[in-house]
Protein backbone atom coordinates (compact mmCIF):
# COMPACT_ATOMS: atom_id res chain seq x y z
CA MET A 1 -114.27 79.09 -66.95
CA LEU A 2 -115.04 79.58 -62.99
CA ILE A 3 -114.32 83.82 -63.02
CA PRO A 4 -116.17 85.47 -65.83
CA VAL A 5 -119.62 83.24 -64.05
CA THR A 6 -118.44 84.71 -60.79
CA PHE A 7 -118.31 88.18 -62.58
CA PHE A 8 -121.63 88.46 -64.04
CA VAL A 9 -123.27 86.59 -60.46
CA ALA A 10 -121.34 89.49 -59.09
CA ILE A 11 -123.09 92.34 -61.45
CA ALA A 12 -126.01 90.40 -61.38
CA LEU A 13 -126.16 91.08 -57.18
CA ALA A 14 -124.52 94.30 -56.99
CA VAL A 15 -127.64 95.58 -59.16
CA PHE A 16 -129.81 93.50 -56.91
CA SER A 17 -129.05 95.15 -54.18
CA TYR A 18 -128.48 98.43 -55.96
CA SER A 19 -132.11 98.13 -56.81
CA GLN A 20 -133.31 97.44 -53.06
CA GLY A 21 -132.22 100.61 -51.96
CA GLN A 22 -129.02 99.74 -50.05
CA GLY A 23 -127.31 102.39 -51.84
CA GLY A 24 -123.85 102.26 -53.94
CA PRO A 25 -121.35 101.56 -50.84
CA VAL A 26 -122.54 98.49 -50.58
CA ALA A 27 -123.32 97.38 -53.92
CA GLY A 28 -119.51 97.51 -54.38
CA LEU A 29 -119.09 95.53 -51.75
CA VAL A 30 -121.11 92.68 -52.74
CA PHE A 31 -119.74 93.28 -56.17
CA PHE A 32 -116.43 92.68 -54.82
CA GLY A 33 -117.18 90.00 -52.52
CA VAL A 34 -118.39 87.60 -55.01
CA LEU A 35 -115.31 88.45 -57.35
CA PHE A 36 -112.93 87.86 -54.30
CA LEU A 37 -114.93 84.09 -53.02
CA GLY A 38 -114.79 82.94 -56.98
CA ALA A 39 -111.31 83.87 -57.14
CA PHE A 40 -110.15 82.51 -53.59
CA ILE A 41 -111.50 79.61 -54.90
CA HIS A 42 -110.02 79.54 -58.26
CA VAL A 43 -106.52 80.47 -56.23
CA THR A 44 -107.54 77.41 -54.06
CA GLN A 45 -108.46 74.51 -56.59
CA PRO A 46 -105.29 73.06 -57.04
CA LEU A 47 -104.93 72.70 -53.46
CA VAL A 48 -108.03 71.09 -52.94
CA GLU A 49 -107.12 68.64 -56.12
CA LYS A 50 -103.77 67.49 -54.10
CA ALA A 51 -105.79 66.84 -50.85
CA LYS A 52 -108.18 64.56 -52.65
CA ALA A 53 -105.50 62.70 -53.89
CA LEU A 54 -103.55 62.71 -50.92
CA LYS A 55 -107.14 61.07 -49.18
CA PRO A 56 -106.84 57.58 -48.49
CA SER A 57 -109.84 55.73 -50.29
CA LYS A 58 -112.07 53.27 -48.64
CA ASP A 59 -111.64 50.31 -51.45
């Protein structure tokens, strides 16, 4: 569910960037940057879950 959400957020931010006069290349960088960030979070999520499981509890 994270990838479709970041896709639509990326579209919204790219359109906003383009509407503010930044131009097409900047809007493209914003779009692909947000998509890359969402994919990076999606890929590293299992590693974060493993790290949480190894962390000692504070009971």
